[in-house]
Amino acid sequence: MDEDVSNTEPDASSAFEVTRRTVVETGTTALLLTALPRAAFAVGPLSDKEPPPPPVKVELQINGRSHSLTLDPRTSLLDALREHLALTGSKKGCDHGQCGACTVLIEGRRTNSCLTLAVMHDGQSITTIEGLALGDNLHPMQAAFVEHDGFQCGYCTSGQICSAIGMLAESRQGMPSYETEDLAHPAAELTDAEIRERMSGNICRCAAYPNIVAAIKQAAGMPT
């Protein structure tokens, strides 16, 4: 009697299903084998956690005033400003250096304060949005943003203004951007495209970019 092989040979769909499952299982195993040792090395055994580092003293020169703080050395400059000094004008947006809402000026250079540690700037001059105006007199960049409605919700505005001030200083110093055509020229022409490129690290989710560009051009003394 002929042997019934109908239940011994898988059909094409079953063969594909087994192959796909094998690929997925193999890939997952490979990922775990490569990722877990690194994670274990980075974190260490749960039973052998190291104690937090001892606090350190830091002297921050912010907006012309000296502030003596005792901080966990892992404290970001942004958290030192907001949580320890109540300078909340610098906003915590992404906390990953991608949105620019936390931009401040350190020794005149624009910096994402969420990406740098407070202890790294002991004794350095730091300017936040709170330190730009002189009493009731707004900084020219602040006044230009108001005049041109360079904001809507306002969450990114402090970072936009600080970044714009730093950007104009960089331009005057002859620092080029990816948009700069003539690298031999001492200062790039601040076209709309040039300004947009130089400000690309600051995101406005309300999309007030045309007004921001106009405000920057006014503050730079250019026709808008």
N, C-alpha and C. Protein backbone atom coordinates (compact mmCIF):
# COMPACT_ATOMS: atom_id res chain seq x y z
N MET A 1 0.85 -1.18 0.00
CA MET A 1 0.00 0.00 0.00
C MET A 1 0.89 1.24 0.00
N ASP A 2 0.51 2.22 -0.85
CA ASP A 2 1.31 3.44 -0.95
C ASP A 2 1.21 4.24 0.35
N GLU A 3 2.37 4.82 0.73
CA GLU A 3 2.39 5.63 1.97
C GLU A 3 1.78 7.00 1.72
N ASP A 4 0.93 7.41 2.62
CA ASP A 4 0.31 8.72 2.52
C ASP A 4 1.29 9.78 3.03
N VAL A 5 1.76 10.63 2.13
CA VAL A 5 2.77 11.62 2.50
C VAL A 5 2.15 13.01 2.67
N SER A 6 0.84 13.09 2.68
CA SER A 6 0.19 14.39 2.75
C SER A 6 0.51 15.13 4.05
N ASN A 7 0.81 14.35 5.13
CA ASN A 7 1.08 14.99 6.41
C ASN A 7 2.57 15.04 6.75
N THR A 8 3.43 14.63 5.82
CA THR A 8 4.87 14.61 6.10
C THR A 8 5.61 15.68 5.36
N GLU A 9 5.04 16.29 4.32
CA GLU A 9 5.71 17.34 3.56
C GLU A 9 4.96 18.65 3.74
N PRO A 10 5.61 19.69 4.33
CA PRO A 10 4.91 20.97 4.52
C PRO A 10 4.66 21.64 3.20
N ASP A 11 3.53 22.34 3.12
CA ASP A 11 3.27 23.08 1.90
C ASP A 11 4.13 24.33 1.86
N ALA A 12 4.02 25.09 0.77
CA ALA A 12 4.89 26.26 0.56
C ALA A 12 4.67 27.31 1.62
N SER A 13 3.40 27.54 2.03
CA SER A 13 3.13 28.59 3.01
C SER A 13 3.74 28.24 4.36
N SER A 14 3.67 26.96 4.75
CA SER A 14 4.25 26.55 6.02
C SER A 14 5.76 26.69 6.00
N ALA A 15 6.38 26.35 4.87
CA ALA A 15 7.83 26.48 4.76
C ALA A 15 8.24 27.93 4.90
N PHE A 16 7.50 28.85 4.28
CA PHE A 16 7.83 30.28 4.39
C PHE A 16 7.69 30.76 5.82
N GLU A 17 6.63 30.31 6.50
CA GLU A 17 6.40 30.74 7.86
C GLU A 17 7.54 30.31 8.77
N VAL A 18 8.00 29.09 8.62
CA VAL A 18 9.11 28.61 9.44
C VAL A 18 10.37 29.39 9.13
N THR A 19 10.63 29.67 7.89
CA THR A 19 11.83 30.41 7.51
C THR A 19 11.81 31.82 8.06
N ARG A 20 10.69 32.47 7.97
CA ARG A 20 10.57 33.84 8.49
C ARG A 20 10.77 33.86 9.99
N ARG A 21 10.18 32.90 10.69
CA ARG A 21 10.32 32.84 12.14
C ARG A 21 11.78 32.60 12.52
N THR A 22 12.43 31.75 11.76
CA THR A 22 13.84 31.47 12.04
C THR A 22 14.70 32.72 11.89
N VAL A 23 14.40 33.48 10.85
CA VAL A 23 15.17 34.71 10.64
C VAL A 23 14.96 35.68 11.79
N VAL A 24 13.70 35.86 12.20
CA VAL A 24 13.40 36.79 13.30
C VAL A 24 14.08 36.35 14.58
N GLU A 25 13.98 35.04 14.89
CA GLU A 25 14.57 34.54 16.13
C GLU A 25 16.09 34.69 16.10
N THR A 26 16.68 34.40 14.95
CA THR A 26 18.13 34.51 14.83
C THR A 26 18.58 35.96 14.99
N GLY A 27 17.86 36.88 14.34
CA GLY A 27 18.21 38.29 14.44
C GLY A 27 18.08 38.81 15.86
N THR A 28 17.00 38.41 16.56
CA THR A 28 16.80 38.85 17.93
C THR A 28 17.90 38.33 18.84
N THR A 29 18.27 37.07 18.65
CA THR A 29 19.35 36.49 19.46
C THR A 29 20.66 37.22 19.24
N ALA A 30 20.94 37.52 17.97
CA ALA A 30 22.19 38.23 17.67
C ALA A 30 22.20 39.62 18.29
N LEU A 31 21.06 40.30 18.25
CA LEU A 31 20.97 41.63 18.85
C LEU A 31 21.22 41.58 20.36
N LEU A 32 20.61 40.61 21.02
CA LEU A 32 20.80 40.49 22.46
C LEU A 32 22.24 40.16 22.83
N LEU A 33 22.86 39.31 22.03
CA LEU A 33 24.24 38.93 22.31
C LEU A 33 25.20 40.09 22.16
N THR A 34 24.87 41.04 21.25
CA THR A 34 25.77 42.19 21.06
C THR A 34 25.43 43.34 21.99
N ALA A 35 24.13 43.50 22.34
CA ALA A 35 23.73 44.66 23.14
C ALA A 35 23.86 44.42 24.63
N LEU A 36 23.52 43.24 25.10
CA LEU A 36 23.51 43.02 26.54
C LEU A 36 24.87 43.16 27.21
N PRO A 37 25.95 42.64 26.63
CA PRO A 37 27.23 42.83 27.30
C PRO A 37 27.61 44.29 27.46
N ARG A 38 27.34 45.12 26.43
CA ARG A 38 27.65 46.53 26.52
C ARG A 38 26.81 47.19 27.60
N ALA A 39 25.51 46.85 27.65
CA ALA A 39 24.65 47.45 28.67
C ALA A 39 25.11 47.05 30.07
N ALA A 40 25.47 45.79 30.21
CA ALA A 40 25.93 45.32 31.51
C ALA A 40 27.22 46.02 31.92
N PHE A 41 28.10 46.24 30.92
CA PHE A 41 29.36 46.94 31.21
C PHE A 41 29.11 48.38 31.60
N ALA A 42 28.12 49.04 30.94
CA ALA A 42 27.85 50.45 31.21
C ALA A 42 27.19 50.66 32.58
N VAL A 43 26.26 49.78 32.91
CA VAL A 43 25.50 49.97 34.15
C VAL A 43 26.17 49.29 35.34
N GLY A 44 26.77 48.11 35.08
CA GLY A 44 27.38 47.35 36.16
C GLY A 44 26.35 46.49 36.86
N PRO A 45 26.77 45.60 37.70
CA PRO A 45 25.84 44.71 38.41
C PRO A 45 24.91 45.53 39.31
N LEU A 46 23.65 45.10 39.37
CA LEU A 46 22.68 45.81 40.19
C LEU A 46 23.06 45.78 41.66
N SER A 47 23.76 44.75 42.08
CA SER A 47 24.13 44.62 43.48
C SER A 47 25.40 45.38 43.83
N ASP A 48 26.03 45.99 42.82
CA ASP A 48 27.31 46.65 43.04
C ASP A 48 27.28 48.08 42.52
N LYS A 49 26.17 48.79 42.77
CA LYS A 49 26.06 50.18 42.31
C LYS A 49 27.01 51.07 43.10
N GLU A 50 27.66 51.97 42.37
CA GLU A 50 28.53 52.93 43.03
C GLU A 50 27.71 54.05 43.64
N PRO A 51 28.14 54.60 44.75
CA PRO A 51 27.40 55.73 45.35
C PRO A 51 27.53 56.95 44.46
N PRO A 52 26.60 57.88 44.55
CA PRO A 52 26.68 59.10 43.73
C PRO A 52 27.94 59.87 44.08
N PRO A 53 28.48 60.62 43.11
CA PRO A 53 29.69 61.39 43.39
C PRO A 53 29.42 62.49 44.40
N PRO A 54 30.41 62.89 45.16
CA PRO A 54 30.20 63.94 46.16
C PRO A 54 29.90 65.26 45.48
N PRO A 55 29.13 66.14 46.10
CA PRO A 55 28.83 67.45 45.51
C PRO A 55 30.09 68.30 45.42
N VAL A 56 30.07 69.23 44.48
CA VAL A 56 31.21 70.11 44.26
C VAL A 56 30.72 71.56 44.29
N LYS A 57 31.61 72.45 44.62
CA LYS A 57 31.29 73.87 44.62
C LYS A 57 31.66 74.48 43.28
N VAL A 58 30.80 75.36 42.80
CA VAL A 58 31.04 76.03 41.53
C VAL A 58 30.60 77.48 41.65
N GLU A 59 31.34 78.35 41.01
CA GLU A 59 31.03 79.78 41.01
C GLU A 59 30.61 80.16 39.60
N LEU A 60 29.33 80.44 39.42
CA LEU A 60 28.80 80.78 38.11
C LEU A 60 28.59 82.29 38.00
N GLN A 61 29.13 82.86 36.96
CA GLN A 61 28.97 84.30 36.70
C GLN A 61 27.84 84.47 35.69
N ILE A 62 26.66 84.76 36.18
CA ILE A 62 25.47 84.77 35.33
C ILE A 62 24.86 86.17 35.30
N ASN A 63 24.75 86.70 34.11
CA ASN A 63 24.14 88.02 33.91
C ASN A 63 24.78 89.09 34.79
N GLY A 64 26.11 89.00 34.93
CA GLY A 64 26.85 90.00 35.70
C GLY A 64 26.85 89.79 37.19
N ARG A 65 26.28 88.71 37.67
CA ARG A 65 26.25 88.43 39.10
C ARG A 65 26.89 87.08 39.37
N SER A 66 27.54 86.99 40.52
CA SER A 66 28.21 85.76 40.91
C SER A 66 27.28 84.91 41.76
N HIS A 67 27.24 83.62 41.46
CA HIS A 67 26.39 82.69 42.21
C HIS A 67 27.25 81.51 42.66
N SER A 68 27.32 81.29 43.96
CA SER A 68 28.05 80.15 44.51
C SER A 68 27.07 79.01 44.77
N LEU A 69 27.32 77.88 44.13
CA LEU A 69 26.42 76.74 44.25
C LEU A 69 27.21 75.49 44.63
N THR A 70 26.54 74.61 45.34
CA THR A 70 27.07 73.28 45.62
C THR A 70 26.19 72.28 44.89
N LEU A 71 26.77 71.61 43.89
CA LEU A 71 25.97 70.81 42.97
C LEU A 71 26.52 69.40 42.83
N ASP A 72 25.62 68.49 42.50
CA ASP A 72 26.05 67.20 41.97
C ASP A 72 26.82 67.49 40.69
N PRO A 73 28.02 66.97 40.52
CA PRO A 73 28.82 67.30 39.34
C PRO A 73 28.16 66.91 38.02
N ARG A 74 27.11 66.08 38.09
CA ARG A 74 26.40 65.68 36.87
C ARG A 74 25.29 66.65 36.50
N THR A 75 25.11 67.72 37.25
CA THR A 75 24.03 68.69 36.99
C THR A 75 24.33 69.47 35.73
N SER A 76 23.38 69.48 34.82
CA SER A 76 23.55 70.26 33.59
C SER A 76 23.45 71.75 33.92
N LEU A 77 24.02 72.57 33.05
CA LEU A 77 23.92 74.01 33.24
C LEU A 77 22.45 74.43 33.22
N LEU A 78 21.65 73.81 32.35
CA LEU A 78 20.23 74.16 32.28
C LEU A 78 19.53 73.89 33.60
N ASP A 79 19.78 72.74 34.21
CA ASP A 79 19.13 72.44 35.49
C ASP A 79 19.65 73.34 36.59
N ALA A 80 20.92 73.72 36.54
CA ALA A 80 21.44 74.66 37.54
C ALA A 80 20.71 76.00 37.43
N LEU A 81 20.49 76.46 36.19
CA LEU A 81 19.80 77.73 35.99
C LEU A 81 18.35 77.65 36.48
N ARG A 82 17.66 76.61 36.06
CA ARG A 82 16.23 76.54 36.33
C ARG A 82 15.92 76.09 37.75
N GLU A 83 16.58 75.03 38.22
CA GLU A 83 16.21 74.41 39.48
C GLU A 83 16.92 75.02 40.69
N HIS A 84 18.09 75.61 40.47
CA HIS A 84 18.86 76.13 41.60
C HIS A 84 18.86 77.66 41.67
N LEU A 85 18.65 78.32 40.53
CA LEU A 85 18.71 79.78 40.52
C LEU A 85 17.40 80.43 40.08
N ALA A 86 16.39 79.62 39.77
CA ALA A 86 15.07 80.12 39.37
C ALA A 86 15.15 81.02 38.13
N LEU A 87 16.14 80.79 37.28
CA LEU A 87 16.23 81.49 36.00
C LEU A 87 15.57 80.60 34.95
N THR A 88 14.26 80.70 34.88
CA THR A 88 13.48 79.76 34.07
C THR A 88 13.23 80.25 32.65
N GLY A 89 13.87 81.35 32.26
CA GLY A 89 13.71 81.81 30.88
C GLY A 89 14.28 80.84 29.87
N SER A 90 15.35 80.16 30.24
CA SER A 90 15.92 79.11 29.37
C SER A 90 15.05 77.87 29.51
N LYS A 91 14.48 77.41 28.41
CA LYS A 91 13.47 76.36 28.47
C LYS A 91 14.08 74.98 28.24
N LYS A 92 13.49 74.00 28.91
CA LYS A 92 13.86 72.60 28.67
C LYS A 92 12.87 72.03 27.67
N GLY A 93 13.32 71.91 26.43
CA GLY A 93 12.46 71.38 25.38
C GLY A 93 12.69 69.90 25.21
N CYS A 94 13.70 69.56 24.41
CA CYS A 94 13.99 68.14 24.15
C CYS A 94 14.95 67.55 25.17
N ASP A 95 15.79 68.38 25.81
CA ASP A 95 16.83 67.95 26.75
C ASP A 95 17.86 67.05 26.06
N HIS A 96 17.96 67.16 24.74
CA HIS A 96 18.93 66.37 23.98
C HIS A 96 19.71 67.24 22.99
N GLY A 97 19.63 68.55 23.12
CA GLY A 97 20.38 69.42 22.22
C GLY A 97 19.86 69.49 20.81
N GLN A 98 18.58 69.17 20.61
CA GLN A 98 18.04 69.13 19.26
C GLN A 98 17.11 70.29 18.95
N CYS A 99 16.58 70.98 19.96
CA CYS A 99 15.57 72.01 19.67
C CYS A 99 16.08 73.44 19.87
N GLY A 100 17.11 73.63 20.70
CA GLY A 100 17.68 74.95 20.90
C GLY A 100 16.95 75.84 21.88
N ALA A 101 15.89 75.35 22.52
CA ALA A 101 15.12 76.19 23.44
C ALA A 101 15.92 76.60 24.67
N CYS A 102 16.99 75.88 24.97
CA CYS A 102 17.77 76.15 26.17
C CYS A 102 19.03 76.97 25.87
N THR A 103 19.15 77.54 24.68
CA THR A 103 20.37 78.24 24.28
C THR A 103 20.67 79.42 25.18
N VAL A 104 21.92 79.49 25.64
CA VAL A 104 22.42 80.64 26.39
C VAL A 104 23.74 81.06 25.76
N LEU A 105 24.29 82.17 26.22
CA LEU A 105 25.58 82.65 25.73
C LEU A 105 26.63 82.43 26.81
N ILE A 106 27.68 81.71 26.47
CA ILE A 106 28.80 81.47 27.38
C ILE A 106 30.03 82.10 26.77
N GLU A 107 30.55 83.11 27.45
CA GLU A 107 31.66 83.89 26.91
C GLU A 107 31.32 84.41 25.51
N GLY A 108 30.05 84.76 25.31
CA GLY A 108 29.60 85.29 24.04
C GLY A 108 29.25 84.26 22.99
N ARG A 109 29.54 83.00 23.25
CA ARG A 109 29.25 81.92 22.29
C ARG A 109 27.95 81.22 22.66
N ARG A 110 27.09 80.99 21.68
CA ARG A 110 25.82 80.32 21.96
C ARG A 110 26.05 78.84 22.25
N THR A 111 25.35 78.35 23.26
CA THR A 111 25.56 76.98 23.73
C THR A 111 24.23 76.40 24.17
N ASN A 112 24.01 75.13 23.87
CA ASN A 112 22.85 74.42 24.38
C ASN A 112 23.13 74.05 25.84
N SER A 113 22.45 74.72 26.75
CA SER A 113 22.77 74.52 28.17
C SER A 113 22.37 73.15 28.69
N CYS A 114 21.54 72.42 27.95
CA CYS A 114 21.17 71.07 28.38
C CYS A 114 22.27 70.06 28.10
N LEU A 115 23.23 70.42 27.25
CA LEU A 115 24.28 69.49 26.86
C LEU A 115 25.61 69.73 27.57
N THR A 116 25.66 70.69 28.46
CA THR A 116 26.92 70.98 29.14
C THR A 116 26.70 70.99 30.64
N LEU A 117 27.73 70.63 31.38
CA LEU A 117 27.62 70.56 32.83
C LEU A 117 27.95 71.91 33.46
N ALA A 118 27.27 72.22 34.53
CA ALA A 118 27.49 73.49 35.20
C ALA A 118 28.93 73.62 35.68
N VAL A 119 29.51 72.53 36.17
CA VAL A 119 30.87 72.60 36.72
C VAL A 119 31.91 72.90 35.65
N MET A 120 31.57 72.74 34.40
CA MET A 120 32.51 73.02 33.31
C MET A 120 32.66 74.51 33.06
N HIS A 121 31.82 75.32 33.68
CA HIS A 121 31.82 76.75 33.37
C HIS A 121 32.07 77.59 34.62
N ASP A 122 32.81 77.04 35.54
CA ASP A 122 33.18 77.77 36.75
C ASP A 122 33.94 79.04 36.38
N GLY A 123 33.43 80.18 36.80
CA GLY A 123 34.10 81.44 36.56
C GLY A 123 33.86 82.06 35.20
N GLN A 124 33.18 81.37 34.30
CA GLN A 124 32.94 81.91 32.97
C GLN A 124 31.71 82.81 32.96
N SER A 125 31.70 83.75 32.02
CA SER A 125 30.58 84.67 31.89
C SER A 125 29.43 84.00 31.13
N ILE A 126 28.28 83.94 31.76
CA ILE A 126 27.10 83.30 31.17
C ILE A 126 25.99 84.35 31.08
N THR A 127 25.37 84.44 29.92
CA THR A 127 24.25 85.36 29.73
C THR A 127 23.01 84.57 29.33
N THR A 128 21.93 84.76 30.07
CA THR A 128 20.66 84.14 29.73
C THR A 128 19.71 85.22 29.24
N ILE A 129 18.53 84.81 28.85
CA ILE A 129 17.55 85.76 28.34
C ILE A 129 17.23 86.84 29.38
N GLU A 130 17.33 86.48 30.67
CA GLU A 130 17.02 87.44 31.73
C GLU A 130 18.05 88.56 31.80
N GLY A 131 19.24 88.36 31.23
CA GLY A 131 20.30 89.34 31.36
C GLY A 131 20.50 90.23 30.14
N LEU A 132 19.58 90.17 29.17
CA LEU A 132 19.77 90.94 27.94
C LEU A 132 19.26 92.37 28.04
N ALA A 133 18.12 92.56 28.66
CA ALA A 133 17.54 93.91 28.75
C ALA A 133 18.26 94.72 29.83
N LEU A 134 18.30 96.03 29.63
CA LEU A 134 18.84 96.95 30.62
C LEU A 134 17.66 97.69 31.26
N GLY A 135 17.20 97.17 32.36
CA GLY A 135 16.01 97.74 33.00
C GLY A 135 14.80 97.56 32.09
N ASP A 136 14.16 98.66 31.76
CA ASP A 136 13.00 98.60 30.87
C ASP A 136 13.38 98.66 29.40
N ASN A 137 14.66 98.81 29.11
CA ASN A 137 15.12 98.91 27.73
C ASN A 137 15.48 97.53 27.20
N LEU A 138 14.69 97.07 26.25
CA LEU A 138 14.94 95.76 25.66
C LEU A 138 16.22 95.76 24.84
N HIS A 139 16.84 94.59 24.77
CA HIS A 139 17.95 94.40 23.85
C HIS A 139 17.41 94.58 22.43
N PRO A 140 18.21 95.14 21.51
CA PRO A 140 17.72 95.33 20.13
C PRO A 140 17.14 94.07 19.50
N MET A 141 17.69 92.90 19.84
CA MET A 141 17.14 91.66 19.28
C MET A 141 15.77 91.37 19.88
N GLN A 142 15.61 91.61 21.17
CA GLN A 142 14.31 91.42 21.80
C GLN A 142 13.27 92.37 21.19
N ALA A 143 13.65 93.63 21.03
CA ALA A 143 12.73 94.61 20.45
C ALA A 143 12.34 94.23 19.04
N ALA A 144 13.28 93.72 18.26
CA ALA A 144 12.98 93.32 16.89
C ALA A 144 12.03 92.14 16.85
N PHE A 145 12.20 91.18 17.77
CA PHE A 145 11.28 90.04 17.83
C PHE A 145 9.87 90.51 18.16
N VAL A 146 9.75 91.48 19.05
CA VAL A 146 8.43 92.01 19.40
C VAL A 146 7.82 92.72 18.20
N GLU A 147 8.60 93.54 17.54
CA GLU A 147 8.08 94.33 16.42
C GLU A 147 7.64 93.45 15.26
N HIS A 148 8.36 92.36 15.01
CA HIS A 148 8.06 91.51 13.85
C HIS A 148 7.26 90.26 14.23
N ASP A 149 6.76 90.20 15.46
CA ASP A 149 6.01 89.02 15.90
C ASP A 149 6.79 87.75 15.63
N GLY A 150 8.04 87.72 16.12
CA GLY A 150 8.89 86.56 15.88
C GLY A 150 8.62 85.41 16.82
N PHE A 151 7.40 85.27 17.27
CA PHE A 151 7.04 84.18 18.19
C PHE A 151 5.53 84.02 18.18
N GLN A 152 5.08 82.84 18.61
CA GLN A 152 3.65 82.62 18.82
C GLN A 152 3.44 82.10 20.24
N CYS A 153 3.72 80.82 20.47
CA CYS A 153 3.56 80.31 21.85
C CYS A 153 4.66 80.85 22.75
N GLY A 154 5.82 81.20 22.20
CA GLY A 154 6.89 81.80 22.96
C GLY A 154 7.84 80.83 23.64
N TYR A 155 7.58 79.54 23.55
CA TYR A 155 8.41 78.58 24.29
C TYR A 155 9.86 78.58 23.78
N CYS A 156 10.04 78.72 22.49
CA CYS A 156 11.39 78.68 21.92
C CYS A 156 12.05 80.04 21.89
N THR A 157 11.32 81.10 22.23
CA THR A 157 11.77 82.46 21.93
C THR A 157 13.05 82.84 22.65
N SER A 158 13.19 82.48 23.92
CA SER A 158 14.42 82.84 24.63
C SER A 158 15.63 82.21 23.97
N GLY A 159 15.51 80.96 23.56
CA GLY A 159 16.61 80.30 22.87
C GLY A 159 16.86 80.90 21.49
N GLN A 160 15.80 81.26 20.80
CA GLN A 160 15.94 81.89 19.48
C GLN A 160 16.69 83.21 19.60
N ILE A 161 16.34 84.03 20.58
CA ILE A 161 16.95 85.35 20.73
C ILE A 161 18.42 85.22 21.11
N CYS A 162 18.72 84.37 22.10
CA CYS A 162 20.12 84.18 22.49
C CYS A 162 20.93 83.62 21.33
N SER A 163 20.36 82.67 20.60
CA SER A 163 21.06 82.09 19.46
C SER A 163 21.30 83.13 18.38
N ALA A 164 20.30 83.99 18.13
CA ALA A 164 20.44 85.01 17.10
C ALA A 164 21.54 86.00 17.45
N ILE A 165 21.64 86.38 18.72
CA ILE A 165 22.70 87.30 19.15
C ILE A 165 24.07 86.65 18.94
N GLY A 166 24.19 85.40 19.34
CA GLY A 166 25.45 84.69 19.14
C GLY A 166 25.77 84.50 17.67
N MET A 167 24.74 84.25 16.87
CA MET A 167 24.93 84.04 15.44
C MET A 167 25.47 85.29 14.77
N LEU A 168 24.92 86.46 15.11
CA LEU A 168 25.40 87.70 14.51
C LEU A 168 26.86 87.96 14.90
N ALA A 169 27.23 87.63 16.13
CA ALA A 169 28.62 87.79 16.55
C ALA A 169 29.53 86.86 15.75
N GLU A 170 29.09 85.63 15.53
CA GLU A 170 29.87 84.69 14.72
C GLU A 170 30.04 85.20 13.30
N SER A 171 28.96 85.75 12.74
CA SER A 171 29.02 86.26 11.38
C SER A 171 30.00 87.42 11.26
N ARG A 172 29.96 88.33 12.24
CA ARG A 172 30.88 89.46 12.22
C ARG A 172 32.34 89.02 12.34
N GLN A 173 32.56 87.88 13.01
CA GLN A 173 33.91 87.36 13.16
C GLN A 173 34.38 86.56 11.94
N GLY A 174 33.51 86.46 10.93
CA GLY A 174 33.88 85.78 9.70
C GLY A 174 33.69 84.28 9.70
N MET A 175 32.94 83.74 10.67
CA MET A 175 32.71 82.30 10.71
C MET A 175 31.71 81.92 9.63
N PRO A 176 32.05 80.99 8.74
CA PRO A 176 31.15 80.62 7.64
C PRO A 176 30.11 79.59 8.08
N SER A 177 29.14 79.36 7.20
CA SER A 177 28.17 78.28 7.39
C SER A 177 28.16 77.44 6.13
N TYR A 178 27.34 76.40 6.10
CA TYR A 178 27.23 75.57 4.90
C TYR A 178 26.66 76.36 3.73
N GLU A 179 25.99 77.46 4.03
CA GLU A 179 25.35 78.26 2.99
C GLU A 179 26.30 79.32 2.43
N THR A 180 27.41 79.58 3.10
CA THR A 180 28.33 80.64 2.70
C THR A 180 29.00 80.29 1.37
N GLU A 181 28.89 81.20 0.40
CA GLU A 181 29.45 80.95 -0.93
C GLU A 181 30.91 81.39 -1.03
N ASP A 182 31.23 82.57 -0.49
CA ASP A 182 32.58 83.12 -0.60
C ASP A 182 33.29 83.00 0.74
N LEU A 183 34.12 81.96 0.88
CA LEU A 183 34.81 81.74 2.15
C LEU A 183 35.95 82.72 2.36
N ALA A 184 36.37 83.41 1.29
CA ALA A 184 37.47 84.38 1.42
C ALA A 184 36.97 85.73 1.94
N HIS A 185 35.66 85.94 1.90
CA HIS A 185 35.11 87.22 2.35
C HIS A 185 35.15 87.27 3.87
N PRO A 186 35.53 88.41 4.45
CA PRO A 186 35.65 88.49 5.92
C PRO A 186 34.35 88.23 6.66
N ALA A 187 33.22 88.52 6.06
CA ALA A 187 31.93 88.27 6.71
C ALA A 187 30.90 87.91 5.64
N ALA A 188 30.18 86.83 5.86
CA ALA A 188 29.20 86.38 4.88
C ALA A 188 28.02 87.33 4.81
N GLU A 189 27.46 87.50 3.62
CA GLU A 189 26.25 88.29 3.48
C GLU A 189 25.09 87.55 4.12
N LEU A 190 24.39 88.24 5.00
CA LEU A 190 23.31 87.59 5.73
C LEU A 190 22.02 87.60 4.91
N THR A 191 21.99 86.76 3.89
CA THR A 191 20.77 86.57 3.13
C THR A 191 19.78 85.78 3.99
N ASP A 192 18.55 85.70 3.52
CA ASP A 192 17.56 84.90 4.25
C ASP A 192 18.03 83.46 4.38
N ALA A 193 18.60 82.91 3.31
CA ALA A 193 19.07 81.52 3.33
C ALA A 193 20.21 81.36 4.32
N GLU A 194 21.11 82.35 4.36
CA GLU A 194 22.24 82.29 5.29
C GLU A 194 21.75 82.32 6.73
N ILE A 195 20.80 83.19 7.02
CA ILE A 195 20.27 83.28 8.38
C ILE A 195 19.55 82.00 8.76
N ARG A 196 18.76 81.47 7.87
CA ARG A 196 18.03 80.23 8.16
C ARG A 196 19.00 79.08 8.44
N GLU A 197 20.09 78.99 7.68
CA GLU A 197 21.06 77.94 7.90
C GLU A 197 21.74 78.10 9.25
N ARG A 198 22.13 79.33 9.56
CA ARG A 198 22.83 79.57 10.83
C ARG A 198 21.92 79.40 12.04
N MET A 199 20.62 79.55 11.85
CA MET A 199 19.66 79.39 12.94
C MET A 199 18.98 78.03 12.92
N SER A 200 19.46 77.11 12.12
CA SER A 200 18.77 75.83 11.93
C SER A 200 18.77 74.97 13.19
N GLY A 201 19.62 75.27 14.16
CA GLY A 201 19.62 74.51 15.40
C GLY A 201 18.53 74.91 16.37
N ASN A 202 17.76 75.93 16.01
CA ASN A 202 16.67 76.40 16.86
C ASN A 202 15.34 76.14 16.16
N ILE A 203 14.54 75.29 16.76
CA ILE A 203 13.28 74.87 16.16
C ILE A 203 12.13 75.71 16.72
N CYS A 204 11.27 76.18 15.82
CA CYS A 204 10.03 76.85 16.22
C CYS A 204 8.87 76.00 15.73
N ARG A 205 8.21 75.32 16.64
CA ARG A 205 7.12 74.43 16.23
C ARG A 205 5.89 75.21 15.78
N CYS A 206 5.84 76.50 16.09
CA CYS A 206 4.77 77.35 15.58
C CYS A 206 5.07 77.85 14.17
N ALA A 207 6.30 77.60 13.69
CA ALA A 207 6.72 77.96 12.32
C ALA A 207 6.70 79.46 12.08
N ALA A 208 7.23 80.22 13.03
CA ALA A 208 7.31 81.68 12.86
C ALA A 208 8.61 82.09 12.18
N TYR A 209 9.17 81.21 11.39
CA TYR A 209 10.50 81.44 10.80
C TYR A 209 10.61 82.71 9.95
N PRO A 210 9.65 83.02 9.08
CA PRO A 210 9.79 84.28 8.30
C PRO A 210 9.90 85.51 9.19
N ASN A 211 9.13 85.55 10.27
CA ASN A 211 9.18 86.68 11.18
C ASN A 211 10.48 86.71 11.98
N ILE A 212 10.99 85.52 12.32
CA ILE A 212 12.27 85.44 13.02
C ILE A 212 13.39 85.97 12.14
N VAL A 213 13.40 85.58 10.88
CA VAL A 213 14.41 86.07 9.95
C VAL A 213 14.33 87.59 9.82
N ALA A 214 13.11 88.12 9.71
CA ALA A 214 12.94 89.57 9.59
C ALA A 214 13.44 90.29 10.84
N ALA A 215 13.19 89.71 12.01
CA ALA A 215 13.65 90.33 13.25
C ALA A 215 15.17 90.35 13.32
N ILE A 216 15.79 89.26 12.91
CA ILE A 216 17.26 89.19 12.94
C ILE A 216 17.85 90.20 11.97
N LYS A 217 17.27 90.35 10.81
CA LYS A 217 17.78 91.31 9.84
C LYS A 217 17.65 92.74 10.37
N GLN A 218 16.56 93.04 11.06
CA GLN A 218 16.40 94.38 11.63
C GLN A 218 17.46 94.62 12.70
N ALA A 219 17.66 93.63 13.59
CA ALA A 219 18.65 93.79 14.65
C ALA A 219 20.06 93.93 14.09
N ALA A 220 20.29 93.35 12.91
CA ALA A 220 21.61 93.44 12.28
C ALA A 220 21.76 94.73 11.47
N GLY A 221 20.71 95.55 11.44
CA GLY A 221 20.75 96.80 10.69
C GLY A 221 20.58 96.63 9.21
N MET A 222 19.89 95.56 8.82
CA MET A 222 19.64 95.28 7.41
C MET A 222 18.20 95.59 7.07
N PRO A 223 17.91 95.91 5.80
CA PRO A 223 16.52 96.12 5.40
C PRO A 223 15.74 94.82 5.49
N THR A 224 14.50 94.89 5.93
CA THR A 224 13.68 93.69 6.10
C THR A 224 12.65 93.60 5.00
